[in-house]
């Protein structure tokens, strides 16, 4: 998988960047690095990356803000982001995922786990459905070829994981899925996720595609069971 795949590691700890780079390069990935947000943004404008490993605590632009900038830019809205940080509290993880991170790893970490997660996120980002390219449900339009979502013709920016979760539910509209079933379907290559991850991504999706997230039109909750896509 690693051949010709460029990864940007954004962290101000030189030893950590060296450790991450060494382990990713062993798997055949090409690795670039940036020690602050401004440098990272410059490199992201100049080069094409398949994935970003991002520290939360950075000089200048913080990791959360940098992730928000990436998600709000059409050129990087779908770029997979793995947050790698010493901030391991649940609230920090939730904020990171809600901003649009595809995964979240806390320091200290296992280099083998990091490599496994990088591969898993890249696989999820590259998978393409084999059905027709355009799916229209009400005012929602999903372009499966370009990985675009639009509501009333307005483009909605989603992470790769959010896109895959929305598409999975939309293609099976009306069918109720438990958190465990969605974990198996969307995060099946990932051995370190929890059921709450599903809730975080559902909440993020609703904030992006629903006019009234508290009273959703598309992604419904079946109390005590899970979630389903309302295709009416």
C-alpha atoms as a PDB file:
ATOM      1  CA  UNK A   1       0.000   0.000   0.000  1.00  0.00           C
ATOM      2  CA  UNK A   2       2.830   2.399   0.809  1.00  0.00           C
ATOM      3  CA  UNK A   3       4.283   2.824  -2.677  1.00  0.00           C
ATOM      4  CA  UNK A   4       3.999   6.419  -3.937  1.00  0.00           C
ATOM      5  CA  UNK A   5       1.731   7.382  -1.022  1.00  0.00           C
ATOM      6  CA  UNK A   6       2.758  10.714   0.538  1.00  0.00           C
ATOM      7  CA  UNK A   7       2.038  11.384   4.208  1.00  0.00           C
ATOM      8  CA  UNK A   8       2.541  14.678   6.035  1.00  0.00           C
ATOM      9  CA  UNK A   9       3.475  14.463   9.727  1.00  0.00           C
ATOM     10  CA  UNK A  10       2.791  17.711  11.605  1.00  0.00           C
ATOM     11  CA  UNK A  11       4.442  17.830  15.046  1.00  0.00           C
ATOM     12  CA  UNK A  12       6.978  20.062  16.787  1.00  0.00           C
ATOM     13  CA  UNK A  13       8.703  17.169  18.603  1.00  0.00           C
ATOM     14  CA  UNK A  14      11.663  16.239  16.415  1.00  0.00           C
ATOM     15  CA  UNK A  15      12.188  12.837  18.084  1.00  0.00           C
ATOM     16  CA  UNK A  16       8.550  11.888  17.554  1.00  0.00           C
ATOM     17  CA  UNK A  17       8.592  12.987  13.919  1.00  0.00           C
ATOM     18  CA  UNK A  18      11.699  10.855  13.402  1.00  0.00           C
ATOM     19  CA  UNK A  19      10.026   7.832  15.065  1.00  0.00           C
ATOM     20  CA  UNK A  20       6.811   8.181  13.050  1.00  0.00           C
ATOM     21  CA  UNK A  21       8.688   8.815   9.805  1.00  0.00           C
ATOM     22  CA  UNK A  22      10.983   5.823  10.315  1.00  0.00           C
ATOM     23  CA  UNK A  23       8.103   3.406  10.902  1.00  0.00           C
ATOM     24  CA  UNK A  24       6.029   4.724   8.000  1.00  0.00           C
ATOM     25  CA  UNK A  25       8.991   4.661   5.622  1.00  0.00           C
ATOM     26  CA  UNK A  26       9.650   1.037   6.601  1.00  0.00           C
ATOM     27  CA  UNK A  27       6.180   0.285   5.182  1.00  0.00           C
ATOM     28  CA  UNK A  28       7.021   2.030   1.916  1.00  0.00           C
ATOM     29  CA  UNK A  29       5.323   5.385   2.532  1.00  0.00           C
ATOM     30  CA  UNK A  30       6.872   8.673   1.545  1.00  0.00           C
ATOM     31  CA  UNK A  31       6.952  11.017   4.531  1.00  0.00           C
ATOM     32  CA  UNK A  32       7.200  14.789   4.745  1.00  0.00           C
ATOM     33  CA  UNK A  33       7.028  16.819   7.954  1.00  0.00           C
ATOM     34  CA  UNK A  34       6.188  20.243   9.350  1.00  0.00           C
ATOM     35  CA  UNK A  35       6.845  21.542  12.859  1.00  0.00           C
ATOM     36  CA  UNK A  36       4.096  24.184  12.914  1.00  0.00           C
ATOM     37  CA  UNK A  37       0.734  24.947  11.367  1.00  0.00           C
ATOM     38  CA  UNK A  38       1.922  27.687   9.041  1.00  0.00           C
ATOM     39  CA  UNK A  39       4.575  25.464   7.471  1.00  0.00           C
ATOM     40  CA  UNK A  40       2.051  22.651   7.188  1.00  0.00           C
ATOM     41  CA  UNK A  41      -0.425  24.848   5.315  1.00  0.00           C
ATOM     42  CA  UNK A  42       2.312  25.983   2.934  1.00  0.00           C
ATOM     43  CA  UNK A  43       3.290  22.391   2.163  1.00  0.00           C
ATOM     44  CA  UNK A  44      -0.341  21.336   1.757  1.00  0.00           C
ATOM     45  CA  UNK A  45      -0.810  24.060  -0.845  1.00  0.00           C
ATOM     46  CA  UNK A  46       2.333  23.036  -2.737  1.00  0.00           C
ATOM     47  CA  UNK A  47       2.118  19.234  -2.521  1.00  0.00           C
ATOM     48  CA  UNK A  48      -0.424  16.456  -2.676  1.00  0.00           C
ATOM     49  CA  UNK A  49      -0.733  14.163   0.353  1.00  0.00           C
ATOM     50  CA  UNK A  50      -2.807  11.053   0.911  1.00  0.00           C
ATOM     51  CA  UNK A  51      -3.013  11.499   4.696  1.00  0.00           C
ATOM     52  CA  UNK A  52      -1.996  13.848   7.507  1.00  0.00           C
ATOM     53  CA  UNK A  53      -0.768  12.849  10.986  1.00  0.00           C
ATOM     54  CA  UNK A  54      -1.505  15.903  13.111  1.00  0.00           C
ATOM     55  CA  UNK A  55      -0.475  16.897  16.650  1.00  0.00           C
ATOM     56  CA  UNK A  56      -2.978  18.990  18.624  1.00  0.00           C
ATOM     57  CA  UNK A  57      -0.396  21.070  20.506  1.00  0.00           C
ATOM     58  CA  UNK A  58       1.509  23.108  17.943  1.00  0.00           C
ATOM     59  CA  UNK A  59       3.242  26.489  17.988  1.00  0.00           C
ATOM     60  CA  UNK A  60       1.148  29.118  16.225  1.00  0.00           C
ATOM     61  CA  UNK A  61      -1.915  27.521  14.660  1.00  0.00           C
ATOM     62  CA  UNK A  62      -3.159  24.761  16.967  1.00  0.00           C
ATOM     63  CA  UNK A  63      -4.004  21.310  15.625  1.00  0.00           C
ATOM     64  CA  UNK A  64      -7.756  21.688  16.123  1.00  0.00           C
ATOM     65  CA  UNK A  65      -7.789  24.956  14.194  1.00  0.00           C
ATOM     66  CA  UNK A  66      -5.579  23.485  11.482  1.00  0.00           C
ATOM     67  CA  UNK A  67      -7.964  20.550  11.083  1.00  0.00           C
ATOM     68  CA  UNK A  68     -10.871  22.995  10.836  1.00  0.00           C
ATOM     69  CA  UNK A  69      -9.023  24.929   8.114  1.00  0.00           C
ATOM     70  CA  UNK A  70      -8.442  21.711   6.158  1.00  0.00           C
ATOM     71  CA  UNK A  71     -12.102  20.697   6.389  1.00  0.00           C
ATOM     72  CA  UNK A  72     -13.294  24.138   5.249  1.00  0.00           C
ATOM     73  CA  UNK A  73     -11.069  24.115   2.148  1.00  0.00           C
ATOM     74  CA  UNK A  74     -12.606  22.202  -0.810  1.00  0.00           C
ATOM     75  CA  UNK A  75      -9.124  21.072  -1.878  1.00  0.00           C
ATOM     76  CA  UNK A  76      -8.437  19.359   1.471  1.00  0.00           C
ATOM     77  CA  UNK A  77     -11.946  18.701   2.797  1.00  0.00           C
ATOM     78  CA  UNK A  78     -11.671  14.968   2.143  1.00  0.00           C
ATOM     79  CA  UNK A  79      -8.011  14.594   3.153  1.00  0.00           C
ATOM     80  CA  UNK A  80      -7.771  11.885   5.860  1.00  0.00           C
ATOM     81  CA  UNK A  81      -6.463  13.211   9.196  1.00  0.00           C
ATOM     82  CA  UNK A  82      -5.166  11.173  12.127  1.00  0.00           C
ATOM     83  CA  UNK A  83      -4.680  13.213  15.299  1.00  0.00           C
ATOM     84  CA  UNK A  84      -1.673  12.144  17.381  1.00  0.00           C
ATOM     85  CA  UNK A  85      -1.552  13.894  20.739  1.00  0.00           C
ATOM     86  CA  UNK A  86      -0.813  13.727  24.456  1.00  0.00           C
ATOM     87  CA  UNK A  87      -4.315  15.083  25.167  1.00  0.00           C
ATOM     88  CA  UNK A  88      -6.087  11.819  25.903  1.00  0.00           C
ATOM     89  CA  UNK A  89      -9.194  12.970  27.746  1.00  0.00           C
ATOM     90  CA  UNK A  90     -12.497  11.812  26.246  1.00  0.00           C
ATOM     91  CA  UNK A  91     -13.618  15.383  25.619  1.00  0.00           C
ATOM     92  CA  UNK A  92     -10.459  16.032  23.570  1.00  0.00           C
ATOM     93  CA  UNK A  93     -11.118  12.952  21.441  1.00  0.00           C
ATOM     94  CA  UNK A  94     -14.723  13.969  20.873  1.00  0.00           C
ATOM     95  CA  UNK A  95     -13.716  17.503  19.845  1.00  0.00           C
ATOM     96  CA  UNK A  96     -11.121  16.119  17.455  1.00  0.00           C
ATOM     97  CA  UNK A  97     -13.562  13.739  15.818  1.00  0.00           C
ATOM     98  CA  UNK A  98     -16.291  16.367  15.616  1.00  0.00           C
ATOM     99  CA  UNK A  99     -13.917  18.799  13.902  1.00  0.00           C
ATOM    100  CA  UNK A 100     -13.390  16.155  11.238  1.00  0.00           C
ATOM    101  CA  UNK A 101     -10.470  13.909  12.238  1.00  0.00           C
ATOM    102  CA  UNK A 102     -10.730  10.360  10.883  1.00  0.00           C
ATOM    103  CA  UNK A 103      -8.903   8.823  13.828  1.00  0.00           C
ATOM    104  CA  UNK A 104      -7.330   9.845  17.144  1.00  0.00           C
ATOM    105  CA  UNK A 105      -4.238   8.311  18.785  1.00  0.00           C
ATOM    106  CA  UNK A 106      -2.880   9.329  22.179  1.00  0.00           C
ATOM    107  CA  UNK A 107       0.778   9.555  23.219  1.00  0.00           C
ATOM    108  CA  UNK A 108       2.612   7.420  24.191  1.00  0.00           C
ATOM    109  CA  UNK A 109       1.639   5.148  21.333  1.00  0.00           C
ATOM    110  CA  UNK A 110       2.722   1.933  19.664  1.00  0.00           C
ATOM    111  CA  UNK A 111       4.405   2.561  16.296  1.00  0.00           C
ATOM    112  CA  UNK A 112       2.849  -0.679  15.015  1.00  0.00           C
ATOM    113  CA  UNK A 113      -0.599   0.553  16.040  1.00  0.00           C
ATOM    114  CA  UNK A 114       0.015   3.882  14.297  1.00  0.00           C
ATOM    115  CA  UNK A 115       1.030   2.133  11.061  1.00  0.00           C
ATOM    116  CA  UNK A 116      -2.023  -0.147  11.294  1.00  0.00           C
ATOM    117  CA  UNK A 117      -4.322   2.844  11.743  1.00  0.00           C
ATOM    118  CA  UNK A 118      -2.723   4.736   8.870  1.00  0.00           C
ATOM    119  CA  UNK A 119      -3.299   1.758   6.585  1.00  0.00           C
ATOM    120  CA  UNK A 120      -6.882   1.353   7.810  1.00  0.00           C
ATOM    121  CA  UNK A 121      -7.761   5.025   7.244  1.00  0.00           C
ATOM    122  CA  UNK A 122      -6.199   4.955   3.777  1.00  0.00           C
ATOM    123  CA  UNK A 123      -8.166   1.837   2.868  1.00  0.00           C
ATOM    124  CA  UNK A 124     -11.413   3.458   3.964  1.00  0.00           C
ATOM    125  CA  UNK A 125     -10.600   6.604   1.996  1.00  0.00           C
ATOM    126  CA  UNK A 126      -9.806   4.693  -1.197  1.00  0.00           C
ATOM    127  CA  UNK A 127     -12.749   2.320  -1.230  1.00  0.00           C
ATOM    128  CA  UNK A 128     -15.285   3.208  -3.916  1.00  0.00           C
ATOM    129  CA  UNK A 129     -18.769   1.769  -4.209  1.00  0.00           C
ATOM    130  CA  UNK A 130     -19.574  -0.227  -7.315  1.00  0.00           C
ATOM    131  CA  UNK A 131     -23.128   1.059  -7.745  1.00  0.00           C
ATOM    132  CA  UNK A 132     -24.251   4.104  -9.729  1.00  0.00           C
ATOM    133  CA  UNK A 133     -22.271   7.245  -9.105  1.00  0.00           C
ATOM    134  CA  UNK A 134     -25.074   9.613  -8.096  1.00  0.00           C
ATOM    135  CA  UNK A 135     -27.531   9.041  -5.269  1.00  0.00           C
ATOM    136  CA  UNK A 136     -30.351  11.562  -4.744  1.00  0.00           C
ATOM    137  CA  UNK A 137     -32.614  11.474  -1.706  1.00  0.00           C
ATOM    138  CA  UNK A 138     -34.833  14.502  -1.274  1.00  0.00           C
ATOM    139  CA  UNK A 139     -32.634  17.597  -1.310  1.00  0.00           C
ATOM    140  CA  UNK A 140     -29.558  15.519  -0.515  1.00  0.00           C
ATOM    141  CA  UNK A 141     -27.238  14.486  -3.355  1.00  0.00           C
ATOM    142  CA  UNK A 142     -24.299  12.095  -2.966  1.00  0.00           C
ATOM    143  CA  UNK A 143     -21.727  11.922  -5.754  1.00  0.00           C
ATOM    144  CA  UNK A 144     -19.961   8.610  -5.126  1.00  0.00           C
ATOM    145  CA  UNK A 145     -17.366   9.136  -7.842  1.00  0.00           C
ATOM    146  CA  UNK A 146     -16.173  12.550  -6.650  1.00  0.00           C
ATOM    147  CA  UNK A 147     -16.931  11.938  -2.950  1.00  0.00           C
ATOM    148  CA  UNK A 148     -19.092  15.065  -2.843  1.00  0.00           C
ATOM    149  CA  UNK A 149     -22.194  15.769  -0.768  1.00  0.00           C
ATOM    150  CA  UNK A 150     -24.573  18.614  -1.524  1.00  0.00           C
ATOM    151  CA  UNK A 151     -27.781  19.916   0.044  1.00  0.00           C
ATOM    152  CA  UNK A 152     -29.980  22.068  -2.191  1.00  0.00           C
ATOM    153  CA  UNK A 153     -26.996  22.301  -4.545  1.00  0.00           C
ATOM    154  CA  UNK A 154     -24.652  23.584  -1.828  1.00  0.00           C
ATOM    155  CA  UNK A 155     -21.483  21.549  -1.266  1.00  0.00           C
ATOM    156  CA  UNK A 156     -21.083  20.001   2.193  1.00  0.00           C
ATOM    157  CA  UNK A 157     -17.580  19.216   3.453  1.00  0.00           C
ATOM    158  CA  UNK A 158     -17.199  15.790   5.079  1.00  0.00           C
ATOM    159  CA  UNK A 159     -14.228  13.701   6.127  1.00  0.00           C
ATOM    160  CA  UNK A 160     -13.621  10.406   4.320  1.00  0.00           C
ATOM    161  CA  UNK A 161     -15.063   8.426   7.235  1.00  0.00           C
ATOM    162  CA  UNK A 162     -18.129  10.667   7.519  1.00  0.00           C
ATOM    163  CA  UNK A 163     -18.748  10.279   3.790  1.00  0.00           C
ATOM    164  CA  UNK A 164     -18.511   6.499   3.978  1.00  0.00           C
ATOM    165  CA  UNK A 165     -20.841   6.343   7.001  1.00  0.00           C
ATOM    166  CA  UNK A 166     -23.439   8.570   5.336  1.00  0.00           C
ATOM    167  CA  UNK A 167     -23.264   6.619   2.081  1.00  0.00           C
ATOM    168  CA  UNK A 168     -23.568   3.282   3.886  1.00  0.00           C
ATOM    169  CA  UNK A 169     -26.754   4.408   5.660  1.00  0.00           C
ATOM    170  CA  UNK A 170     -28.219   6.181   2.610  1.00  0.00           C
ATOM    171  CA  UNK A 171     -27.758   3.158   0.338  1.00  0.00           C
ATOM    172  CA  UNK A 172     -29.640   1.069   2.907  1.00  0.00           C
ATOM    173  CA  UNK A 173     -32.306   3.613   3.769  1.00  0.00           C
ATOM    174  CA  UNK A 174     -34.922   2.443   6.231  1.00  0.00           C
ATOM    175  CA  UNK A 175     -32.753  -0.325   7.689  1.00  0.00           C
ATOM    176  CA  UNK A 176     -31.794   0.104  11.347  1.00  0.00           C
ATOM    177  CA  UNK A 177     -28.170  -0.538  12.315  1.00  0.00           C
ATOM    178  CA  UNK A 178     -26.755  -0.907  15.809  1.00  0.00           C
ATOM    179  CA  UNK A 179     -23.529   0.874  16.744  1.00  0.00           C
ATOM    180  CA  UNK A 180     -21.718  -2.454  16.640  1.00  0.00           C
ATOM    181  CA  UNK A 181     -22.971  -3.168  13.104  1.00  0.00           C
ATOM    182  CA  UNK A 182     -21.830   0.260  11.914  1.00  0.00           C
ATOM    183  CA  UNK A 183     -18.434  -0.235  13.555  1.00  0.00           C
ATOM    184  CA  UNK A 184     -18.062  -3.533  11.697  1.00  0.00           C
ATOM    185  CA  UNK A 185     -19.114  -1.963   8.398  1.00  0.00           C
ATOM    186  CA  UNK A 186     -17.221   1.338   8.489  1.00  0.00           C
ATOM    187  CA  UNK A 187     -14.333   0.691  10.877  1.00  0.00           C
ATOM    188  CA  UNK A 188     -13.851  -3.019  10.171  1.00  0.00           C
ATOM    189  CA  UNK A 189     -10.096  -2.616   9.612  1.00  0.00           C
ATOM    190  CA  UNK A 190      -9.747  -0.723  12.879  1.00  0.00           C
ATOM    191  CA  UNK A 191      -9.351  -2.712  16.097  1.00  0.00           C
ATOM    192  CA  UNK A 192      -9.202   0.214  18.508  1.00  0.00           C
ATOM    193  CA  UNK A 193     -12.495   2.068  18.140  1.00  0.00           C
ATOM    194  CA  UNK A 194     -15.395   2.218  20.578  1.00  0.00           C
ATOM    195  CA  UNK A 195     -19.176   2.357  20.008  1.00  0.00           C
ATOM    196  CA  UNK A 196     -19.137   6.038  21.067  1.00  0.00           C
ATOM    197  CA  UNK A 197     -17.160   6.772  17.897  1.00  0.00           C
ATOM    198  CA  UNK A 198     -20.341   6.083  15.917  1.00  0.00           C
ATOM    199  CA  UNK A 199     -22.312   8.595  18.010  1.00  0.00           C
ATOM    200  CA  UNK A 200     -19.659  11.275  17.463  1.00  0.00           C
ATOM    201  CA  UNK A 201     -19.708  10.815  13.684  1.00  0.00           C
ATOM    202  CA  UNK A 202     -23.511  10.711  13.546  1.00  0.00           C
ATOM    203  CA  UNK A 203     -23.657  13.974  15.497  1.00  0.00           C
ATOM    204  CA  UNK A 204     -21.093  15.497  13.144  1.00  0.00           C
ATOM    205  CA  UNK A 205     -23.049  14.354  10.090  1.00  0.00           C
ATOM    206  CA  UNK A 206     -26.288  15.783  11.431  1.00  0.00           C
ATOM    207  CA  UNK A 207     -24.627  19.137  12.054  1.00  0.00           C
ATOM    208  CA  UNK A 208     -23.529  19.159   8.418  1.00  0.00           C
ATOM    209  CA  UNK A 209     -26.580  17.896   6.502  1.00  0.00           C
ATOM    210  CA  UNK A 210     -29.598  18.574   8.712  1.00  0.00           C
ATOM    211  CA  UNK A 211     -31.435  21.900   8.864  1.00  0.00           C
ATOM    212  CA  UNK A 212     -32.440  21.041  12.440  1.00  0.00           C
ATOM    213  CA  UNK A 213     -29.875  18.568  13.885  1.00  0.00           C
ATOM    214  CA  UNK A 214     -31.940  18.127  17.061  1.00  0.00           C
ATOM    215  CA  UNK A 215     -34.875  17.016  14.902  1.00  0.00           C
ATOM    216  CA  UNK A 216     -33.132  15.270  11.995  1.00  0.00           C
ATOM    217  CA  UNK A 217     -34.815  14.617   8.690  1.00  0.00           C
ATOM    218  CA  UNK A 218     -32.329  12.135   7.244  1.00  0.00           C
ATOM    219  CA  UNK A 219     -30.387  10.299   9.962  1.00  0.00           C
ATOM    220  CA  UNK A 220     -32.855   9.020  12.527  1.00  0.00           C
ATOM    221  CA  UNK A 221     -32.351   7.328  15.885  1.00  0.00           C
ATOM    222  CA  UNK A 222     -34.180   4.141  16.810  1.00  0.00           C
ATOM    223  CA  UNK A 223     -34.077   4.464  20.583  1.00  0.00           C
ATOM    224  CA  UNK A 224     -32.295   1.603  22.270  1.00  0.00           C
ATOM    225  CA  UNK A 225     -31.237   0.049  18.955  1.00  0.00           C
ATOM    226  CA  UNK A 226     -29.250   2.364  16.702  1.00  0.00           C
ATOM    227  CA  UNK A 227     -29.552   4.544  13.617  1.00  0.00           C
ATOM    228  CA  UNK A 228     -31.235   4.489  10.219  1.00  0.00           C
ATOM    229  CA  UNK A 229     -31.502   6.708   7.152  1.00  0.00           C
ATOM    230  CA  UNK A 230     -34.949   8.091   6.478  1.00  0.00           C
ATOM    231  CA  UNK A 231     -35.476   8.033   2.726  1.00  0.00           C
ATOM    232  CA  UNK A 232     -38.882   9.719   2.638  1.00  0.00           C
END
